[in-house]
Every structure is written in structure tokens, then in C-alpha cells.
Amino acid sequence: MAKPNKKGPVRTIDIFCANCSQPLFKYRKGGKGALVKCFVERIVKNHTNDNLHCPQCEQEFARSTLIRGTPALKFVGGKVRFK
């Protein structure tokens, strides 16, 4: 399978913890669909310590994985929201 485009989309979104509304990431998202995964190379600004837990409430919101050979985070359903 093809790797995701490194330059990626131009549009950025802010990702927040659904539990405490703490900002987690600023991310370059492509498309109009739901936020299911996030490629690590597209993260513009990271507000977390380990990419998997919220820095304020310590809730796990993602799991680390490889998608098409590229490091990514798969979000746990209902744990994050974005604008």
C-alpha cells in the first residue's frame, strides 16, 4: 500500500480531550470524515507528554500503531473531540 503524503493537507484542526477539554494536538487533517487516526508526522504542535495520555486527567485516549508502515495514533472512541 502507498504511504501517506508527507506534506499532507494544509488545513489544521485542534484536538481536545473529551473528558476535561485539555488541548492535545494541532494536526493537519485531510478530508471531511471522522477523526479515527492521526499520523505522527502530521502533528504540528504537541501538548502531551507521551502522545497517549491526557496531561491533565491522565486518561488514555489513543494507542500507538503502524499504518501503511508509518507511525500513527489510533484514537479510542469518544475520548477526543476536534474543532
C-alpha atoms as a PDB file:
ATOM      1  CA  MET A   1       0.000   0.000   0.000  1.00  0.00           C
ATOM      2  CA  ALA A   2       1.054   3.583  -0.555  1.00  0.00           C
ATOM      3  CA  LYS A   3       2.411   5.688   2.288  1.00  0.00           C
ATOM      4  CA  PRO A   4       0.502   8.835   3.287  1.00  0.00           C
ATOM      5  CA  ASN A   5       1.573  12.091   1.680  1.00  0.00           C
ATOM      6  CA  LYS A   6       4.360  13.605   3.842  1.00  0.00           C
ATOM      7  CA  LYS A   7       3.458  17.213   3.074  1.00  0.00           C
ATOM      8  CA  GLY A   8      -0.143  16.367   3.767  1.00  0.00           C
ATOM      9  CA  PRO A   9      -3.117  18.676   3.945  1.00  0.00           C
ATOM     10  CA  VAL A  10      -2.860  22.360   4.738  1.00  0.00           C
ATOM     11  CA  ARG A  11      -5.957  22.610   6.973  1.00  0.00           C
ATOM     12  CA  THR A  12      -5.186  22.263  10.685  1.00  0.00           C
ATOM     13  CA  ILE A  13      -7.536  21.222  13.469  1.00  0.00           C
ATOM     14  CA  ASP A  14      -7.249  21.368  17.247  1.00  0.00           C
ATOM     15  CA  ILE A  15      -7.755  18.067  19.091  1.00  0.00           C
ATOM     16  CA  PHE A  16      -9.033  18.172  22.683  1.00  0.00           C
ATOM     17  CA  CYS A  17      -9.618  15.636  25.462  1.00  0.00           C
ATOM     18  CA  ALA A  18     -13.351  14.837  25.603  1.00  0.00           C
ATOM     19  CA  ASN A  19     -13.224  14.442  29.397  1.00  0.00           C
ATOM     20  CA  CYS A  20     -11.514  17.680  30.524  1.00  0.00           C
ATOM     21  CA  SER A  21     -11.226  19.759  27.281  1.00  0.00           C
ATOM     22  CA  GLN A  22      -7.431  19.959  27.592  1.00  0.00           C
ATOM     23  CA  PRO A  23      -5.742  20.721  24.208  1.00  0.00           C
ATOM     24  CA  LEU A  24      -3.798  17.679  22.985  1.00  0.00           C
ATOM     25  CA  PHE A  25      -2.621  18.332  19.405  1.00  0.00           C
ATOM     26  CA  LYS A  26      -2.708  20.721  16.479  1.00  0.00           C
ATOM     27  CA  TYR A  27      -2.976  18.372  13.490  1.00  0.00           C
ATOM     28  CA  ARG A  28      -3.039  18.641   9.680  1.00  0.00           C
ATOM     29  CA  LYS A  29      -6.190  16.677   8.796  1.00  0.00           C
ATOM     30  CA  GLY A  30      -7.337  15.783   5.319  1.00  0.00           C
ATOM     31  CA  GLY A  31     -10.896  15.012   4.289  1.00  0.00           C
ATOM     32  CA  LYS A  32     -14.272  15.535   5.933  1.00  0.00           C
ATOM     33  CA  GLY A  33     -14.616  12.266   7.829  1.00  0.00           C
ATOM     34  CA  ALA A  34     -14.452  11.384  11.490  1.00  0.00           C
ATOM     35  CA  LEU A  35     -11.189  11.530  13.421  1.00  0.00           C
ATOM     36  CA  VAL A  36     -10.147   7.873  13.736  1.00  0.00           C
ATOM     37  CA  LYS A  37      -6.375   8.043  13.479  1.00  0.00           C
ATOM     38  CA  CYS A  38      -3.614  10.593  13.396  1.00  0.00           C
ATOM     39  CA  PHE A  39      -0.249  10.201  11.650  1.00  0.00           C
ATOM     40  CA  VAL A  40       2.584  11.312  13.961  1.00  0.00           C
ATOM     41  CA  GLU A  41       4.399  13.147  11.142  1.00  0.00           C
ATOM     42  CA  ARG A  42       1.350  15.416  10.592  1.00  0.00           C
ATOM     43  CA  ILE A  43       1.205  16.676  14.190  1.00  0.00           C
ATOM     44  CA  VAL A  44       2.112  20.370  14.110  1.00  0.00           C
ATOM     45  CA  LYS A  45       2.043  21.106  17.853  1.00  0.00           C
ATOM     46  CA  ASN A  46       2.032  18.535  20.647  1.00  0.00           C
ATOM     47  CA  HIS A  47       0.686  19.427  24.115  1.00  0.00           C
ATOM     48  CA  THR A  48       1.069  15.903  25.593  1.00  0.00           C
ATOM     49  CA  ASN A  49       3.991  14.177  27.269  1.00  0.00           C
ATOM     50  CA  ASP A  50       3.724  10.696  25.732  1.00  0.00           C
ATOM     51  CA  ASN A  51       1.130  11.065  22.876  1.00  0.00           C
ATOM     52  CA  LEU A  52      -1.209   8.526  24.528  1.00  0.00           C
ATOM     53  CA  HIS A  53      -2.463  10.093  27.778  1.00  0.00           C
ATOM     54  CA  CYS A  54      -4.079  13.443  28.566  1.00  0.00           C
ATOM     55  CA  PRO A  55      -1.629  15.616  30.562  1.00  0.00           C
ATOM     56  CA  GLN A  56      -4.397  16.919  32.843  1.00  0.00           C
ATOM     57  CA  CYS A  57      -6.709  13.968  33.644  1.00  0.00           C
ATOM     58  CA  GLU A  58      -4.279  11.126  32.693  1.00  0.00           C
ATOM     59  CA  GLN A  59      -6.967   9.369  30.606  1.00  0.00           C
ATOM     60  CA  GLU A  60      -5.676   7.157  27.782  1.00  0.00           C
ATOM     61  CA  PHE A  61      -7.110   8.499  24.512  1.00  0.00           C
ATOM     62  CA  ALA A  62      -5.040   6.661  21.856  1.00  0.00           C
ATOM     63  CA  ARG A  63      -2.965   3.592  21.034  1.00  0.00           C
ATOM     64  CA  SER A  64       0.303   3.652  19.130  1.00  0.00           C
ATOM     65  CA  THR A  65       0.353   1.629  15.887  1.00  0.00           C
ATOM     66  CA  LEU A  66       1.812   1.408  12.384  1.00  0.00           C
ATOM     67  CA  ILE A  67      -0.485   2.240   9.467  1.00  0.00           C
ATOM     68  CA  ARG A  68       0.949   1.545   6.000  1.00  0.00           C
ATOM     69  CA  GLY A  69       4.418   1.443   7.590  1.00  0.00           C
ATOM     70  CA  THR A  70       4.077   4.896   9.163  1.00  0.00           C
ATOM     71  CA  PRO A  71       3.808   5.573  12.924  1.00  0.00           C
ATOM     72  CA  ALA A  72       0.298   6.648  13.869  1.00  0.00           C
ATOM     73  CA  LEU A  73      -2.096   7.011  16.795  1.00  0.00           C
ATOM     74  CA  LYS A  74      -5.477   5.262  16.715  1.00  0.00           C
ATOM     75  CA  PHE A  75      -7.972   7.124  18.871  1.00  0.00           C
ATOM     76  CA  VAL A  76     -10.205   5.332  21.358  1.00  0.00           C
ATOM     77  CA  GLY A  77     -13.846   6.055  20.505  1.00  0.00           C
ATOM     78  CA  GLY A  78     -15.340   9.028  22.328  1.00  0.00           C
ATOM     79  CA  LYS A  79     -12.114  10.067  24.098  1.00  0.00           C
ATOM     80  CA  VAL A  80     -11.223  13.027  21.841  1.00  0.00           C
ATOM     81  CA  ARG A  81     -13.050  15.797  20.024  1.00  0.00           C
ATOM     82  CA  PHE A  82     -11.854  18.341  17.476  1.00  0.00           C
ATOM     83  CA  LYS A  83     -12.671  21.766  16.030  1.00  0.00           C
END
